[in-house]
Structures are given as C-alpha cells and as structure tokens.
Amino acid sequence: MGFQRRLHYFSEAGCDYCGYRRYEEGRLVECADDSLEYDDEDEHGWSDVIGPDWLLGNVAHYGG
C-alpha cells in the first residue's frame, strides 16, 4: 500500500487556538499550536484572520 502521510489543520476562533498535526504511518511526527492573528477591526467591529501563515488556506473556516 505504501507510505502514508496525513496532515491535519484545525482552528477554533472562539478559543483563539489553532494548530496542525502531521502523521506518518499513523505516528505523530510534527505538530504546532498557536494563537490566531487578526487584522485591525473594521467599522462593524469584525477582524479578519491574517495568520499564522501556515494556517491560511488550509482550513475551510476558522471556527466559532
């Protein structure tokens, strides 16, 4: 079947928490945990997530 690699990204904006886990053949080989980075608030009080860079584009949404 071959060598299997899995990469799992996650984000929970309500807890200001994000991270990733990388697995090879079912074993955890690398991980990171971090806080979300936000842009300045707009006129409605909302801020866009602008980091960390490794998270951007790797999750469908940043959680609630």
PDB file of N, CA and C in Angstrom:
ATOM      1  N   MET A   1       0.820  -1.194   0.000  1.00  0.00           N
ATOM      2  CA  MET A   1       0.000   0.000   0.000  1.00  0.00           C
ATOM      3  C   MET A   1       0.863   1.257   0.000  1.00  0.00           C
ATOM      4  N   GLY A   2       2.049   1.210   0.603  1.00  0.00           N
ATOM      5  CA  GLY A   2       2.932   2.362   0.542  1.00  0.00           C
ATOM      6  C   GLY A   2       2.909   3.212   1.791  1.00  0.00           C
ATOM      7  N   PHE A   3       3.761   4.184   1.763  1.00  0.00           N
ATOM      8  CA  PHE A   3       3.964   5.103   2.870  1.00  0.00           C
ATOM      9  C   PHE A   3       2.802   6.085   2.953  1.00  0.00           C
ATOM     10  N   GLN A   4       2.186   6.229   4.125  1.00  0.00           N
ATOM     11  CA  GLN A   4       1.044   7.132   4.281  1.00  0.00           C
ATOM     12  C   GLN A   4       1.416   8.339   5.138  1.00  0.00           C
ATOM     13  N   ARG A   5       1.083   9.516   4.619  1.00  0.00           N
ATOM     14  CA  ARG A   5       1.272  10.770   5.356  1.00  0.00           C
ATOM     15  C   ARG A   5      -0.073  11.458   5.489  1.00  0.00           C
ATOM     16  N   ARG A   6      -0.311  12.019   6.630  1.00  0.00           N
ATOM     17  CA  ARG A   6      -1.541  12.774   6.875  1.00  0.00           C
ATOM     18  C   ARG A   6      -1.170  14.079   7.555  1.00  0.00           C
ATOM     19  N   LEU A   7      -1.850  15.141   7.141  1.00  0.00           N
ATOM     20  CA  LEU A   7      -1.651  16.449   7.743  1.00  0.00           C
ATOM     21  C   LEU A   7      -3.018  16.988   8.127  1.00  0.00           C
ATOM     22  N   HIS A   8      -3.190  17.347   9.374  1.00  0.00           N
ATOM     23  CA  HIS A   8      -4.478  17.823   9.884  1.00  0.00           C
ATOM     24  C   HIS A   8      -4.296  19.222  10.472  1.00  0.00           C
ATOM     25  N   TYR A   9      -5.007  20.206   9.893  1.00  0.00           N
ATOM     26  CA  TYR A   9      -5.027  21.574  10.400  1.00  0.00           C
ATOM     27  C   TYR A   9      -6.326  21.806  11.144  1.00  0.00           C
ATOM     28  N   PHE A  10      -6.295  22.624  12.193  1.00  0.00           N
ATOM     29  CA  PHE A  10      -7.516  22.954  12.927  1.00  0.00           C
ATOM     30  C   PHE A  10      -7.449  24.383  13.444  1.00  0.00           C
ATOM     31  N   SER A  11      -8.643  24.948  13.663  1.00  0.00           N
ATOM     32  CA  SER A  11      -8.745  26.318  14.144  1.00  0.00           C
ATOM     33  C   SER A  11     -10.025  26.475  14.951  1.00  0.00           C
ATOM     34  N   GLU A  12      -9.939  27.178  16.045  1.00  0.00           N
ATOM     35  CA  GLU A  12     -11.101  27.482  16.879  1.00  0.00           C
ATOM     36  C   GLU A  12     -11.009  28.945  17.297  1.00  0.00           C
ATOM     37  N   ALA A  13     -11.652  29.809  16.513  1.00  0.00           N
ATOM     38  CA  ALA A  13     -11.575  31.251  16.749  1.00  0.00           C
ATOM     39  C   ALA A  13     -12.132  31.638  18.119  1.00  0.00           C
ATOM     40  N   GLY A  14     -13.166  30.952  18.582  1.00  0.00           N
ATOM     41  CA  GLY A  14     -13.770  31.274  19.871  1.00  0.00           C
ATOM     42  C   GLY A  14     -12.812  31.087  21.038  1.00  0.00           C
ATOM     43  N   CYS A  15     -11.828  30.238  20.870  1.00  0.00           N
ATOM     44  CA  CYS A  15     -10.821  29.995  21.908  1.00  0.00           C
ATOM     45  C   CYS A  15      -9.459  30.551  21.521  1.00  0.00           C
ATOM     46  N   ASP A  16      -9.393  31.218  20.352  1.00  0.00           N
ATOM     47  CA  ASP A  16      -8.138  31.785  19.846  1.00  0.00           C
ATOM     48  C   ASP A  16      -7.043  30.722  19.790  1.00  0.00           C
ATOM     49  N   TYR A  17      -7.351  29.605  19.146  1.00  0.00           N
ATOM     50  CA  TYR A  17      -6.470  28.442  19.154  1.00  0.00           C
ATOM     51  C   TYR A  17      -6.421  27.837  17.758  1.00  0.00           C
ATOM     52  N   CYS A  18      -5.235  27.458  17.317  1.00  0.00           N
ATOM     53  CA  CYS A  18      -5.104  26.768  16.037  1.00  0.00           C
ATOM     54  C   CYS A  18      -3.864  25.891  16.091  1.00  0.00           C
ATOM     55  N   GLY A  19      -3.764  24.998  15.127  1.00  0.00           N
ATOM     56  CA  GLY A  19      -2.596  24.135  15.101  1.00  0.00           C
ATOM     57  C   GLY A  19      -2.638  23.174  13.940  1.00  0.00           C
ATOM     58  N   TYR A  20      -1.642  22.335  13.892  1.00  0.00           N
ATOM     59  CA  TYR A  20      -1.627  21.257  12.916  1.00  0.00           C
ATOM     60  C   TYR A  20      -0.911  20.056  13.507  1.00  0.00           C
ATOM     61  N   ARG A  21      -1.189  18.906  12.934  1.00  0.00           N
ATOM     62  CA  ARG A  21      -0.555  17.646  13.288  1.00  0.00           C
ATOM     63  C   ARG A  21      -0.167  16.938  12.002  1.00  0.00           C
ATOM     64  N   ARG A  22       1.057  16.432  11.942  1.00  0.00           N
ATOM     65  CA  ARG A  22       1.492  15.662  10.781  1.00  0.00           C
ATOM     66  C   ARG A  22       1.820  14.255  11.259  1.00  0.00           C
ATOM     67  N   TYR A  23       1.222  13.293  10.559  1.00  0.00           N
ATOM     68  CA  TYR A  23       1.388  11.887  10.891  1.00  0.00           C
ATOM     69  C   TYR A  23       2.033  11.150   9.723  1.00  0.00           C
ATOM     70  N   GLU A  24       2.894  10.227  10.036  1.00  0.00           N
ATOM     71  CA  GLU A  24       3.460   9.322   9.039  1.00  0.00           C
ATOM     72  C   GLU A  24       3.288   7.907   9.565  1.00  0.00           C
ATOM     73  N   GLU A  25       2.655   7.089   8.756  1.00  0.00           N
ATOM     74  CA  GLU A  25       2.350   5.701   9.120  1.00  0.00           C
ATOM     75  C   GLU A  25       1.684   5.603  10.488  1.00  0.00           C
ATOM     76  N   GLY A  26       0.778   6.559  10.752  1.00  0.00           N
ATOM     77  CA  GLY A  26      -0.002   6.538  11.979  1.00  0.00           C
ATOM     78  C   GLY A  26       0.683   7.129  13.196  1.00  0.00           C
ATOM     79  N   ARG A  27       1.923   7.571  13.059  1.00  0.00           N
ATOM     80  CA  ARG A  27       2.648   8.147  14.189  1.00  0.00           C
ATOM     81  C   ARG A  27       2.779   9.656  14.025  1.00  0.00           C
ATOM     82  N   LEU A  28       2.575  10.384  15.117  1.00  0.00           N
ATOM     83  CA  LEU A  28       2.742  11.833  15.124  1.00  0.00           C
ATOM     84  C   LEU A  28       4.222  12.156  14.964  1.00  0.00           C
ATOM     85  N   VAL A  29       4.562  12.945  13.925  1.00  0.00           N
ATOM     86  CA  VAL A  29       5.964  13.279  13.677  1.00  0.00           C
ATOM     87  C   VAL A  29       6.239  14.778  13.782  1.00  0.00           C
ATOM     88  N   GLU A  30       5.203  15.592  13.730  1.00  0.00           N
ATOM     89  CA  GLU A  30       5.387  17.036  13.846  1.00  0.00           C
ATOM     90  C   GLU A  30       4.069  17.664  14.270  1.00  0.00           C
ATOM     91  N   CYS A  31       4.143  18.719  15.092  1.00  0.00           N
ATOM     92  CA  CYS A  31       2.921  19.413  15.490  1.00  0.00           C
ATOM     93  C   CYS A  31       3.246  20.863  15.835  1.00  0.00           C
ATOM     94  N   ALA A  32       2.220  21.684  15.784  1.00  0.00           N
ATOM     95  CA  ALA A  32       2.339  23.086  16.173  1.00  0.00           C
ATOM     96  C   ALA A  32       1.001  23.546  16.737  1.00  0.00           C
ATOM     97  N   ASP A  33       1.058  24.364  17.759  1.00  0.00           N
ATOM     98  CA  ASP A  33      -0.112  25.013  18.348  1.00  0.00           C
ATOM     99  C   ASP A  33       0.206  26.496  18.437  1.00  0.00           C
ATOM    100  N   ASP A  34      -0.809  27.323  18.175  1.00  0.00           N
ATOM    101  CA  ASP A  34      -0.559  28.758  18.148  1.00  0.00           C
ATOM    102  C   ASP A  34      -1.863  29.507  18.395  1.00  0.00           C
ATOM    103  N   SER A  35      -1.770  30.818  18.495  1.00  0.00           N
ATOM    104  CA  SER A  35      -2.927  31.698  18.572  1.00  0.00           C
ATOM    105  C   SER A  35      -3.185  32.279  17.189  1.00  0.00           C
ATOM    106  N   LEU A  36      -4.444  32.574  16.907  1.00  0.00           N
ATOM    107  CA  LEU A  36      -4.789  33.218  15.644  1.00  0.00           C
ATOM    108  C   LEU A  36      -4.310  34.663  15.660  1.00  0.00           C
ATOM    109  N   GLU A  37      -3.948  35.158  14.492  1.00  0.00           N
ATOM    110  CA  GLU A  37      -3.536  36.549  14.339  1.00  0.00           C
ATOM    111  C   GLU A  37      -4.634  37.282  13.573  1.00  0.00           C
ATOM    112  N   TYR A  38      -4.983  38.476  14.033  1.00  0.00           N
ATOM    113  CA  TYR A  38      -6.095  39.225  13.459  1.00  0.00           C
ATOM    114  C   TYR A  38      -5.642  40.563  12.896  1.00  0.00           C
ATOM    115  N   ASP A  39      -6.333  40.999  11.849  1.00  0.00           N
ATOM    116  CA  ASP A  39      -6.160  42.333  11.288  1.00  0.00           C
ATOM    117  C   ASP A  39      -6.883  43.330  12.200  1.00  0.00           C
ATOM    118  N   ASP A  40      -6.741  44.608  11.938  1.00  0.00           N
ATOM    119  CA  ASP A  40      -7.477  45.628  12.689  1.00  0.00           C
ATOM    120  C   ASP A  40      -8.978  45.476  12.459  1.00  0.00           C
ATOM    121  N   GLU A  41      -9.759  45.887  13.430  1.00  0.00           N
ATOM    122  CA  GLU A  41     -11.219  45.819  13.313  1.00  0.00           C
ATOM    123  C   GLU A  41     -11.724  46.773  12.238  1.00  0.00           C
ATOM    124  N   ASP A  42     -12.769  46.323  11.524  1.00  0.00           N
ATOM    125  CA  ASP A  42     -13.416  47.210  10.548  1.00  0.00           C
ATOM    126  C   ASP A  42     -14.476  48.051  11.255  1.00  0.00           C
ATOM    127  N   GLU A  43     -15.250  48.827  10.487  1.00  0.00           N
ATOM    128  CA  GLU A  43     -16.254  49.723  11.080  1.00  0.00           C
ATOM    129  C   GLU A  43     -17.381  48.980  11.797  1.00  0.00           C
ATOM    130  N   HIS A  44     -17.494  47.655  11.564  1.00  0.00           N
ATOM    131  CA  HIS A  44     -18.534  46.849  12.217  1.00  0.00           C
ATOM    132  C   HIS A  44     -17.996  46.057  13.409  1.00  0.00           C
ATOM    133  N   GLY A  45     -16.709  46.223  13.699  1.00  0.00           N
ATOM    134  CA  GLY A  45     -16.110  45.520  14.826  1.00  0.00           C
ATOM    135  C   GLY A  45     -15.570  44.143  14.492  1.00  0.00           C
ATOM    136  N   TRP A  46     -15.518  43.796  13.207  1.00  0.00           N
ATOM    137  CA  TRP A  46     -15.021  42.485  12.771  1.00  0.00           C
ATOM    138  C   TRP A  46     -13.552  42.587  12.377  1.00  0.00           C
ATOM    139  N   SER A  47     -12.833  41.507  12.589  1.00  0.00           N
ATOM    140  CA  SER A  47     -11.428  41.433  12.186  1.00  0.00           C
ATOM    141  C   SER A  47     -11.204  40.162  11.378  1.00  0.00           C
ATOM    142  N   ASP A  48     -10.430  40.270  10.309  1.00  0.00           N
ATOM    143  CA  ASP A  48     -10.071  39.101   9.508  1.00  0.00           C
ATOM    144  C   ASP A  48      -8.886  38.381  10.129  1.00  0.00           C
ATOM    145  N   VAL A  49      -8.880  37.057   9.986  1.00  0.00           N
ATOM    146  CA  VAL A  49      -7.724  36.272  10.407  1.00  0.00           C
ATOM    147  C   VAL A  49      -6.625  36.487   9.368  1.00  0.00           C
ATOM    148  N   ILE A  50      -5.425  36.829   9.824  1.00  0.00           N
ATOM    149  CA  ILE A  50      -4.304  37.081   8.903  1.00  0.00           C
ATOM    150  C   ILE A  50      -3.093  36.192   9.214  1.00  0.00           C
ATOM    151  N   GLY A  51      -3.233  35.268  10.134  1.00  0.00           N
ATOM    152  CA  GLY A  51      -2.121  34.386  10.444  1.00  0.00           C
ATOM    153  C   GLY A  51      -2.475  33.433  11.560  1.00  0.00           C
ATOM    154  N   PRO A  52      -1.595  32.511  11.820  1.00  0.00           N
ATOM    155  CA  PRO A  52      -0.252  32.340  11.282  1.00  0.00           C
ATOM    156  C   PRO A  52      -0.253  31.904   9.806  1.00  0.00           C
ATOM    157  N   ASP A  53       0.826  32.200   9.117  1.00  0.00           N
ATOM    158  CA  ASP A  53       0.910  31.941   7.675  1.00  0.00           C
ATOM    159  C   ASP A  53       0.638  30.491   7.303  1.00  0.00           C
ATOM    160  N   TRP A  54       1.121  29.540   8.115  1.00  0.00           N
ATOM    161  CA  TRP A  54       0.957  28.131   7.761  1.00  0.00           C
ATOM    162  C   TRP A  54      -0.501  27.679   7.825  1.00  0.00           C
ATOM    163  N   LEU A  55      -1.364  28.449   8.487  1.00  0.00           N
ATOM    164  CA  LEU A  55      -2.784  28.084   8.601  1.00  0.00           C
ATOM    165  C   LEU A  55      -3.616  28.599   7.426  1.00  0.00           C
ATOM    166  N   LEU A  56      -3.251  29.772   6.917  1.00  0.00           N
ATOM    167  CA  LEU A  56      -4.045  30.426   5.863  1.00  0.00           C
ATOM    168  C   LEU A  56      -4.165  29.531   4.635  1.00  0.00           C
ATOM    169  N   GLY A  57      -5.406  29.321   4.204  1.00  0.00           N
ATOM    170  CA  GLY A  57      -5.665  28.491   3.030  1.00  0.00           C
ATOM    171  C   GLY A  57      -5.729  26.999   3.333  1.00  0.00           C
ATOM    172  N   ASN A  58      -5.548  26.614   4.593  1.00  0.00           N
ATOM    173  CA  ASN A  58      -5.543  25.194   4.924  1.00  0.00           C
ATOM    174  C   ASN A  58      -6.753  24.747   5.751  1.00  0.00           C
ATOM    175  N   VAL A  59      -7.659  25.661   6.071  1.00  0.00           N
ATOM    176  CA  VAL A  59      -8.910  25.322   6.742  1.00  0.00           C
ATOM    177  C   VAL A  59     -10.059  25.995   6.004  1.00  0.00           C
ATOM    178  N   ALA A  60     -11.220  25.354   6.031  1.00  0.00           N
ATOM    179  CA  ALA A  60     -12.399  25.903   5.345  1.00  0.00           C
ATOM    180  C   ALA A  60     -12.927  27.145   6.045  1.00  0.00           C
ATOM    181  N   HIS A  61     -12.817  27.172   7.373  1.00  0.00           N
ATOM    182  CA  HIS A  61     -13.223  28.340   8.179  1.00  0.00           C
ATOM    183  C   HIS A  61     -12.432  28.286   9.480  1.00  0.00           C
ATOM    184  N   TYR A  62     -12.494  29.358  10.229  1.00  0.00           N
ATOM    185  CA  TYR A  62     -11.666  29.470  11.423  1.00  0.00           C
ATOM    186  C   TYR A  62     -12.401  29.110  12.711  1.00  0.00           C
ATOM    187  N   GLY A  63     -13.569  28.558  12.601  1.00  0.00           N
ATOM    188  CA  GLY A  63     -14.312  28.118  13.793  1.00  0.00           C
ATOM    189  C   GLY A  63     -15.088  29.259  14.410  1.00  0.00           C
ATOM    190  N   GLY A  64     -15.773  28.934  15.495  1.00  0.00           N
ATOM    191  CA  GLY A  64     -16.616  29.935  16.126  1.00  0.00           C
ATOM    192  C   GLY A  64     -16.332  30.130  17.560  1.00  0.00           C
TER     193      GLY A  64
END
